[in-house]
C-alpha atoms as a PDB file:
ATOM      1  CA  LYS A   1       2.425  -0.529-101.439  1.00  0.00           C
ATOM      2  CA  LEU A   2      -0.231  -1.059 -98.743  1.00  0.00           C
ATOM      3  CA  PHE A   3       1.185  -4.473 -97.872  1.00  0.00           C
ATOM      4  CA  LEU A   4       4.614  -2.944 -97.216  1.00  0.00           C
ATOM      5  CA  SER A   5       3.433   0.191 -95.362  1.00  0.00           C
ATOM      6  CA  PRO A   6       3.207  -0.281 -91.565  1.00  0.00           C
ATOM      7  CA  LEU A   7       1.171   1.961 -89.305  1.00  0.00           C
ATOM      8  CA  ARG A   8       2.807   3.537 -86.246  1.00  0.00           C
ATOM      9  CA  ALA A   9       1.064   3.391 -82.883  1.00  0.00           C
ATOM     10  CA  PRO A  10       1.786   5.957 -80.118  1.00  0.00           C
ATOM     11  CA  TYR A  11       4.153   5.126 -77.263  1.00  0.00           C
ATOM     12  CA  THR A  12       2.736   3.983 -73.929  1.00  0.00           C
ATOM     13  CA  GLN A  13       3.998   5.390 -70.628  1.00  0.00           C
ATOM     14  CA  LYS A  14       5.759   2.085 -70.005  1.00  0.00           C
ATOM     15  CA  GLY A  15       7.381   2.314 -73.408  1.00  0.00           C
ATOM     16  CA  LEU A  16       8.564   5.869 -72.814  1.00  0.00           C
ATOM     17  CA  LYS A  17      10.069   4.787 -69.481  1.00  0.00           C
ATOM     18  CA  LEU A  18      12.008   2.034 -71.245  1.00  0.00           C
ATOM     19  CA  MET A  19      13.315   4.574 -73.758  1.00  0.00           C
ATOM     20  CA  GLU A  20      14.765   6.520 -70.828  1.00  0.00           C
ATOM     21  CA  ASP A  21      16.438   3.469 -69.325  1.00  0.00           C
ATOM     22  CA  VAL A  22      18.099   1.951 -72.400  1.00  0.00           C
ATOM     23  CA  GLU A  23      21.254   2.925 -74.248  1.00  0.00           C
ATOM     24  CA  HIS A  24      20.454   4.222 -77.741  1.00  0.00           C
ATOM     25  CA  TYR A  25      22.708   3.476 -80.697  1.00  0.00           C
ATOM     26  CA  ALA A  26      22.514   2.966 -84.456  1.00  0.00           C
ATOM     27  CA  ILE A  27      23.106  -0.054 -86.675  1.00  0.00           C
ATOM     28  CA  LEU A  28      23.496  -0.165 -90.441  1.00  0.00           C
ATOM     29  CA  ALA A  29      21.632  -3.147 -91.860  1.00  0.00           C
ATOM     30  CA  ASN A  30      21.873  -3.636 -95.617  1.00  0.00           C
ATOM     31  CA  GLY A  31      22.464   0.089 -96.090  1.00  0.00           C
ATOM     32  CA  LYS A  32      19.603   1.234 -93.845  1.00  0.00           C
ATOM     33  CA  LYS A  33      20.282   3.044 -90.582  1.00  0.00           C
ATOM     34  CA  MET A  34      18.113   1.619 -87.808  1.00  0.00           C
ATOM     35  CA  ARG A  35      17.674   2.531 -84.139  1.00  0.00           C
ATOM     36  CA  ALA A  36      18.912  -0.042 -81.635  1.00  0.00           C
ATOM     37  CA  TYR A  37      18.780  -0.271 -77.838  1.00  0.00           C
ATOM     38  CA  ARG A  38      20.508  -2.160 -75.071  1.00  0.00           C
ATOM     39  CA  MET A  39      20.243  -2.435 -71.291  1.00  0.00           C
ATOM     40  CA  GLY A  40      21.879  -4.603 -68.653  1.00  0.00           C
ATOM     41  CA  SER A  41      24.963  -6.796 -68.527  1.00  0.00           C
ATOM     42  CA  GLY A  42      25.805 -10.397 -69.198  1.00  0.00           C
ATOM     43  CA  PRO A  43      24.966 -12.565 -72.238  1.00  0.00           C
ATOM     44  CA  GLU A  44      22.801 -10.822 -74.810  1.00  0.00           C
ATOM     45  CA  VAL A  45      19.172 -11.615 -75.610  1.00  0.00           C
ATOM     46  CA  ILE A  46      18.097  -9.979 -78.871  1.00  0.00           C
ATOM     47  CA  CYS A  47      14.408  -9.063 -79.298  1.00  0.00           C
ATOM     48  CA  ILE A  48      12.859  -8.468 -82.735  1.00  0.00           C
ATOM     49  CA  HIS A  49       9.417  -6.817 -82.776  1.00  0.00           C
ATOM     50  CA  GLY A  50       6.621  -7.538 -85.246  1.00  0.00           C
ATOM     51  CA  TRP A  51       4.945  -5.692 -88.094  1.00  0.00           C
ATOM     52  CA  ALA A  52       3.776  -2.202 -87.064  1.00  0.00           C
ATOM     53  CA  GLY A  53       5.454  -2.788 -83.700  1.00  0.00           C
ATOM     54  CA  LYS A  54       8.498  -1.361 -81.971  1.00  0.00           C
ATOM     55  CA  ALA A  55      11.176  -2.251 -79.430  1.00  0.00           C
ATOM     56  CA  THR A  56       9.219  -0.863 -76.473  1.00  0.00           C
ATOM     57  CA  GLN A  57       6.584  -3.600 -76.831  1.00  0.00           C
ATOM     58  CA  PHE A  58       9.149  -5.792 -75.062  1.00  0.00           C
ATOM     59  CA  ALA A  59       9.227  -3.475 -72.006  1.00  0.00           C
ATOM     60  CA  ASP A  60       8.059  -6.053 -69.443  1.00  0.00           C
ATOM     61  CA  LEU A  61      10.331  -8.696 -70.902  1.00  0.00           C
ATOM     62  CA  ALA A  62      13.243  -6.240 -71.122  1.00  0.00           C
ATOM     63  CA  TYR A  63      13.312  -5.622 -67.374  1.00  0.00           C
ATOM     64  CA  ALA A  64      12.927  -9.339 -66.648  1.00  0.00           C
ATOM     65  CA  ILE A  65      15.820 -10.110 -68.995  1.00  0.00           C
ATOM     66  CA  THR A  66      18.129  -7.654 -67.225  1.00  0.00           C
ATOM     67  CA  GLU A  67      17.037  -8.802 -63.764  1.00  0.00           C
ATOM     68  CA  ALA A  68      17.912 -12.364 -64.799  1.00  0.00           C
ATOM     69  CA  GLY A  69      21.482 -11.302 -65.546  1.00  0.00           C
ATOM     70  CA  PHE A  70      21.228 -10.861 -69.307  1.00  0.00           C
ATOM     71  CA  THR A  71      21.616  -7.873 -71.614  1.00  0.00           C
ATOM     72  CA  PHE A  72      18.436  -6.794 -73.386  1.00  0.00           C
ATOM     73  CA  VAL A  73      19.078  -5.821 -77.019  1.00  0.00           C
ATOM     74  CA  ALA A  74      16.357  -4.603 -79.392  1.00  0.00           C
ATOM     75  CA  VAL A  75      15.840  -2.610 -82.563  1.00  0.00           C
ATOM     76  CA  ASP A  76      13.273  -0.423 -84.258  1.00  0.00           C
ATOM     77  CA  VAL A  77      13.279  -1.921 -87.739  1.00  0.00           C
ATOM     78  CA  TRP A  78      13.172   0.352 -90.785  1.00  0.00           C
ATOM     79  CA  ALA A  79       9.844   2.279 -90.971  1.00  0.00           C
ATOM     80  CA  HIS A  80       8.985   1.308 -87.380  1.00  0.00           C
ATOM     81  CA  GLY A  81       9.242   3.018 -83.979  1.00  0.00           C
ATOM     82  CA  LYS A  82      11.792   5.829 -83.969  1.00  0.00           C
ATOM     83  CA  CYS A  83      13.431   4.595 -87.175  1.00  0.00           C
ATOM     84  CA  ALA A  84      13.105   6.507 -90.442  1.00  0.00           C
ATOM     85  CA  GLY A  85      11.323   5.125 -93.495  1.00  0.00           C
ATOM     86  CA  LYS A  86       7.761   4.601 -94.690  1.00  0.00           C
ATOM     87  CA  MET A  87       7.861   1.163 -96.295  1.00  0.00           C
ATOM     88  CA  ALA A  88       9.464  -2.069 -95.089  1.00  0.00           C
ATOM     89  CA  SER A  89       9.523  -5.804 -95.715  1.00  0.00           C
ATOM     90  CA  MET A  90      10.369  -8.887 -93.692  1.00  0.00           C
ATOM     91  CA  PHE A  91      13.792  -8.750 -95.348  1.00  0.00           C
ATOM     92  CA  ASP A  92      14.480  -5.530 -93.400  1.00  0.00           C
ATOM     93  CA  PHE A  93      13.616  -7.464 -90.222  1.00  0.00           C
ATOM     94  CA  ALA A  94      15.916 -10.327 -91.223  1.00  0.00           C
ATOM     95  CA  ASP A  95      18.717  -7.867 -92.080  1.00  0.00           C
ATOM     96  CA  ALA A  96      18.373  -6.178 -88.666  1.00  0.00           C
ATOM     97  CA  THR A  97      18.452  -9.560 -86.928  1.00  0.00           C
ATOM     98  CA  GLU A  98      21.556 -10.617 -88.819  1.00  0.00           C
ATOM     99  CA  LYS A  99      23.340  -7.339 -88.004  1.00  0.00           C
ATOM    100  CA  LEU A 100      22.579  -7.528 -84.267  1.00  0.00           C
ATOM    101  CA  VAL A 101      23.690 -11.168 -84.117  1.00  0.00           C
ATOM    102  CA  GLN A 102      26.912 -10.376 -85.966  1.00  0.00           C
ATOM    103  CA  GLU A 103      27.679  -7.515 -83.551  1.00  0.00           C
ATOM    104  CA  SER A 104      26.933  -9.591 -80.448  1.00  0.00           C
ATOM    105  CA  GLN A 105      29.937 -10.593 -78.359  1.00  0.00           C
ATOM    106  CA  ASN A 106      28.124 -13.098 -76.149  1.00  0.00           C
ATOM    107  CA  LEU A 107      24.755 -14.082 -77.605  1.00  0.00           C
ATOM    108  CA  LYS A 108      22.411 -16.184 -75.483  1.00  0.00           C
ATOM    109  CA  GLY A 109      19.396 -16.216 -77.769  1.00  0.00           C
ATOM    110  CA  VAL A 110      16.943 -14.372 -79.994  1.00  0.00           C
ATOM    111  CA  ILE A 111      13.262 -13.620 -79.323  1.00  0.00           C
ATOM    112  CA  GLY A 112      10.935 -12.729 -82.167  1.00  0.00           C
ATOM    113  CA  HIS A 113       7.324 -11.573 -81.950  1.00  0.00           C
ATOM    114  CA  SER A 114       4.897 -12.035 -84.846  1.00  0.00           C
ATOM    115  CA  LEU A 115       6.614 -11.091 -88.127  1.00  0.00           C
ATOM    116  CA  GLY A 116       9.789 -10.652 -86.086  1.00  0.00           C
ATOM    117  CA  ALA A 117       9.720 -14.388 -85.327  1.00  0.00           C
ATOM    118  CA  ALA A 118       9.143 -15.282 -88.973  1.00  0.00           C
ATOM    119  CA  SER A 119      12.017 -12.990 -89.947  1.00  0.00           C
ATOM    120  CA  VAL A 120      14.409 -14.595 -87.457  1.00  0.00           C
ATOM    121  CA  SER A 121      13.453 -17.956 -88.930  1.00  0.00           C
ATOM    122  CA  LEU A 122      14.123 -16.571 -92.431  1.00  0.00           C
ATOM    123  CA  ALA A 123      17.550 -15.278 -91.373  1.00  0.00           C
ATOM    124  CA  VAL A 124      18.428 -18.719 -90.000  1.00  0.00           C
ATOM    125  CA  HIS A 125      17.120 -20.350 -93.186  1.00  0.00           C
ATOM    126  CA  ASP A 126      19.450 -18.052 -95.130  1.00  0.00           C
ATOM    127  CA  GLY A 127      22.481 -19.084 -93.077  1.00  0.00           C
ATOM    128  CA  LEU A 128      22.448 -17.182 -89.763  1.00  0.00           C
ATOM    129  CA  THR A 129      23.428 -19.190 -86.677  1.00  0.00           C
ATOM    130  CA  ILE A 130      21.833 -18.490 -83.296  1.00  0.00           C
ATOM    131  CA  PRO A 131      22.059 -20.467 -80.016  1.00  0.00           C
ATOM    132  CA  ARG A 132      18.397 -20.345 -78.878  1.00  0.00           C
ATOM    133  CA  PHE A 133      15.164 -19.039 -80.390  1.00  0.00           C
ATOM    134  CA  VAL A 134      11.831 -17.979 -78.893  1.00  0.00           C
ATOM    135  CA  ALA A 135       9.023 -17.438 -81.412  1.00  0.00           C
ATOM    136  CA  MET A 136       5.949 -15.596 -80.095  1.00  0.00           C
ATOM    137  CA  GLY A 137       2.673 -15.358 -82.023  1.00  0.00           C
ATOM    138  CA  SER A 138       4.393 -16.511 -85.200  1.00  0.00           C
ATOM    139  CA  PRO A 139       2.589 -16.161 -88.542  1.00  0.00           C
ATOM    140  CA  THR A 140       3.331 -19.509 -90.179  1.00  0.00           C
ATOM    141  CA  LEU A 141       0.924 -20.047 -93.079  1.00  0.00           C
ATOM    142  CA  PRO A 142       1.482 -17.759 -96.100  1.00  0.00           C
ATOM    143  CA  ASP A 143      -2.031 -17.984 -97.563  1.00  0.00           C
ATOM    144  CA  ASP A 144      -3.670 -17.146 -94.244  1.00  0.00           C
ATOM    145  CA  ILE A 145      -1.374 -14.122 -93.882  1.00  0.00           C
ATOM    146  CA  LEU A 146      -2.480 -12.868 -97.299  1.00  0.00           C
ATOM    147  CA  ASN A 147      -6.141 -13.644 -96.659  1.00  0.00           C
ATOM    148  CA  SER A 148      -6.056 -11.645 -93.415  1.00  0.00           C
ATOM    149  CA  PHE A 149      -4.496  -8.656 -95.165  1.00  0.00           C
ATOM    150  CA  ARG A 150      -6.899  -8.943 -98.112  1.00  0.00           C
ATOM    151  CA  LYS A 151      -9.922  -8.882 -95.797  1.00  0.00           C
ATOM    152  CA  ILE A 152      -8.623  -5.793 -93.990  1.00  0.00           C
ATOM    153  CA  ILE A 153      -8.382  -3.810 -97.229  1.00  0.00           C
ATOM    154  CA  GLN A 154     -11.515  -5.503 -98.630  1.00  0.00           C
ATOM    155  CA  ALA A 155      -9.745  -6.678-101.775  1.00  0.00           C
ATOM    156  CA  PRO A 156     -10.659  -9.607-104.055  1.00  0.00           C
ATOM    157  CA  TYR A 157      -8.970 -13.003-103.704  1.00  0.00           C
ATOM    158  CA  ARG A 158      -6.792 -12.416-106.766  1.00  0.00           C
ATOM    159  CA  ILE A 159      -4.782  -9.902-104.711  1.00  0.00           C
ATOM    160  CA  ASN A 160      -3.088 -12.886-103.010  1.00  0.00           C
ATOM    161  CA  GLN A 161      -1.422 -13.890-106.260  1.00  0.00           C
ATOM    162  CA  VAL A 162      -0.671 -10.275-107.151  1.00  0.00           C
ATOM    163  CA  ILE A 163       1.332  -9.905-103.931  1.00  0.00           C
ATOM    164  CA  LYS A 164       3.106 -13.228-104.495  1.00  0.00           C
ATOM    165  CA  ASN A 165       4.046 -12.144-108.012  1.00  0.00           C
ATOM    166  CA  ALA A 166       5.305  -8.791-106.714  1.00  0.00           C
ATOM    167  CA  CYS A 167       7.454 -10.542-104.100  1.00  0.00           C
ATOM    168  CA  ALA A 168       9.115 -12.603-106.810  1.00  0.00           C
ATOM    169  CA  GLU A 169       9.619  -9.569-109.037  1.00  0.00           C
ATOM    170  CA  VAL A 170      10.848  -7.065-106.442  1.00  0.00           C
ATOM    171  CA  PHE A 171      12.725  -9.282-103.973  1.00  0.00           C
ATOM    172  CA  LYS A 172      13.534 -12.263-106.223  1.00  0.00           C
ATOM    173  CA  ARG A 173      12.128 -14.617-103.582  1.00  0.00           C
ATOM    174  CA  ASP A 174       9.162 -16.966-103.581  1.00  0.00           C
ATOM    175  CA  PHE A 175       6.506 -15.875-101.043  1.00  0.00           C
ATOM    176  CA  ASP A 176       5.711 -19.425 -99.929  1.00  0.00           C
ATOM    177  CA  GLU A 177       9.398 -20.350 -99.678  1.00  0.00           C
ATOM    178  CA  ILE A 178      10.140 -17.527 -97.217  1.00  0.00           C
ATOM    179  CA  ALA A 179       7.123 -18.322 -95.011  1.00  0.00           C
ATOM    180  CA  MET A 180       7.864 -19.750 -91.565  1.00  0.00           C
ATOM    181  CA  ALA A 181       6.092 -23.019 -92.401  1.00  0.00           C
ATOM    182  CA  ASN A 182       9.081 -23.656 -94.663  1.00  0.00           C
ATOM    183  CA  THR A 183      11.968 -21.728 -93.085  1.00  0.00           C
ATOM    184  CA  VAL A 184      11.496 -23.210 -89.574  1.00  0.00           C
ATOM    185  CA  ARG A 185      12.744 -26.545 -90.937  1.00  0.00           C
ATOM    186  CA  SER A 186      16.206 -24.949 -91.110  1.00  0.00           C
ATOM    187  CA  VAL A 187      16.222 -24.065 -87.401  1.00  0.00           C
ATOM    188  CA  THR A 188      18.497 -26.499 -85.558  1.00  0.00           C
ATOM    189  CA  CYS A 189      18.897 -24.658 -82.246  1.00  0.00           C
ATOM    190  CA  PRO A 190      16.463 -25.139 -79.312  1.00  0.00           C
ATOM    191  CA  LEU A 191      13.162 -23.456 -80.236  1.00  0.00           C
ATOM    192  CA  LEU A 192      10.348 -22.403 -77.897  1.00  0.00           C
ATOM    193  CA  ALA A 193       7.123 -21.361 -79.658  1.00  0.00           C
ATOM    194  CA  ILE A 194       4.543 -19.423 -77.612  1.00  0.00           C
ATOM    195  CA  HIS A 195       1.050 -18.545 -78.810  1.00  0.00           C
ATOM    196  CA  GLY A 196      -2.075 -17.110 -77.199  1.00  0.00           C
ATOM    197  CA  GLU A 197      -5.231 -19.163 -77.701  1.00  0.00           C
ATOM    198  CA  GLU A 198      -7.216 -15.930 -78.156  1.00  0.00           C
ATOM    199  CA  ASP A 199      -4.861 -14.491 -80.785  1.00  0.00           C
ATOM    200  CA  PHE A 200      -7.199 -12.968 -83.380  1.00  0.00           C
ATOM    201  CA  ASP A 201      -4.365 -11.468 -85.451  1.00  0.00           C
ATOM    202  CA  VAL A 202      -2.516 -14.750 -85.969  1.00  0.00           C
ATOM    203  CA  GLY A 203      -4.785 -17.674 -85.094  1.00  0.00           C
ATOM    204  CA  ILE A 204      -3.648 -20.443 -82.749  1.00  0.00           C
ATOM    205  CA  PHE A 205      -3.732 -22.839 -85.717  1.00  0.00           C
ATOM    206  CA  HIS A 206      -0.504 -21.184 -86.873  1.00  0.00           C
ATOM    207  CA  LEU A 207       1.183 -22.770 -83.850  1.00  0.00           C
ATOM    208  CA  ASP A 208      -0.253 -26.151 -84.859  1.00  0.00           C
ATOM    209  CA  ALA A 209       1.157 -25.647 -88.352  1.00  0.00           C
ATOM    210  CA  LEU A 210       4.549 -24.727 -86.897  1.00  0.00           C
ATOM    211  CA  LYS A 211       4.575 -27.915 -84.831  1.00  0.00           C
ATOM    212  CA  LEU A 212       3.597 -29.912 -87.913  1.00  0.00           C
ATOM    213  CA  ALA A 213       6.496 -28.405 -89.870  1.00  0.00           C
ATOM    214  CA  LYS A 214       8.997 -29.085 -87.075  1.00  0.00           C
ATOM    215  CA  ALA A 215       7.891 -31.703 -84.578  1.00  0.00           C
ATOM    216  CA  ASP A 216      10.725 -31.260 -82.065  1.00  0.00           C
ATOM    217  CA  ILE A 217       9.922 -27.680 -81.038  1.00  0.00           C
ATOM    218  CA  ASP A 218       8.801 -26.863 -77.498  1.00  0.00           C
ATOM    219  CA  CYS A 219       5.319 -25.303 -77.551  1.00  0.00           C
ATOM    220  CA  MET A 220       3.490 -23.166 -75.001  1.00  0.00           C
ATOM    221  CA  ARG A 221      -0.223 -22.543 -75.632  1.00  0.00           C
ATOM    222  CA  VAL A 222      -1.550 -19.808 -73.355  1.00  0.00           C
ATOM    223  CA  ALA A 223      -5.248 -19.493 -72.553  1.00  0.00           C
ATOM    224  CA  LYS A 224      -7.028 -16.119 -72.522  1.00  0.00           C
ATOM    225  CA  LEU A 225      -4.147 -14.257 -74.167  1.00  0.00           C
ATOM    226  CA  GLY A 226      -4.065 -12.469 -77.517  1.00  0.00           C
ATOM    227  CA  HIS A 227      -1.404 -11.398 -79.985  1.00  0.00           C
ATOM    228  CA  ARG A 228       0.212  -8.675 -77.872  1.00  0.00           C
ATOM    229  CA  ARG A 229      -0.772  -9.629 -74.326  1.00  0.00           C
ATOM    230  CA  ILE A 230       1.638 -12.570 -74.431  1.00  0.00           C
ATOM    231  CA  LEU A 231       4.448  -9.994 -74.350  1.00  0.00           C
ATOM    232  CA  LYS A 232       3.310  -8.871 -70.879  1.00  0.00           C
ATOM    233  CA  ASP A 233       2.165 -12.112 -69.269  1.00  0.00           C
ATOM    234  CA  LYS A 234       4.100 -13.111 -66.149  1.00  0.00           C
ATOM    235  CA  ALA A 235       3.956 -16.869 -66.794  1.00  0.00           C
ATOM    236  CA  VAL A 236       5.112 -16.387 -70.388  1.00  0.00           C
ATOM    237  CA  ILE A 237       8.005 -14.184 -69.301  1.00  0.00           C
ATOM    238  CA  GLU A 238       9.045 -16.695 -66.626  1.00  0.00           C
ATOM    239  CA  ARG A 239       9.022 -19.482 -69.214  1.00  0.00           C
ATOM    240  CA  ILE A 240      11.202 -17.437 -71.571  1.00  0.00           C
ATOM    241  CA  ILE A 241      13.723 -16.597 -68.859  1.00  0.00           C
ATOM    242  CA  SER A 242      13.895 -20.264 -67.824  1.00  0.00           C
ATOM    243  CA  PHE A 243      14.421 -21.242 -71.464  1.00  0.00           C
ATOM    244  CA  MET A 244      17.234 -18.712 -71.844  1.00  0.00           C
ATOM    245  CA  LYS A 245      18.920 -19.867 -68.631  1.00  0.00           C
ATOM    246  CA  HIS A 246      18.988 -23.482 -69.766  1.00  0.00           C
ATOM    247  CA  LYS A 247      22.469 -24.652 -70.711  1.00  0.00           C
END
């Protein structure tokens, strides 16, 4: 239950401003009503936030996307942001991604942050087709993800296997099989992976593991940036916009 229960952080002033500027609408993803947002015109760039995150974390990127001639599209996944619910899984993230992609009339690419990136990769692994993919601060290694969670709740090592067993029982999926270290091998579209070298939530070695799993990805290692600061960095945003503009 703890593993599937995200915390909700308060909105920043920048986030509240974005909420005023975007169009609000609802999507139904696998029977769950989620809050979605859009702003701008032109080809769509879909942004999927991470665990315990929300759409407004993309505020800086959202304005850059619209200024570049694209339409910013984002979602508050079930149990996150302004969406209802108390418990969620990466399958809710993948379902939201799939729904937004299916509803898109002119999709340019998808950006995922943290678990959002892993969930986009899972959706592609399960058959979704997207034209371009930016993965930011991606958790790649399943055992490290579990170890990090276990240390936070100060639980014994056996909890790792307990969670893996629960995943198989509840979702009928193997925990290691749905990890990005495996699912990224199914990604055939251009992929840009960005990671901060001072990411203490998802260590930079996750980027190395991602590159090892799929050698042809384009990587951007950013010095002096952590797990969330990469969402605001000017150089990172410029690189993403350039990647999206590439034909």
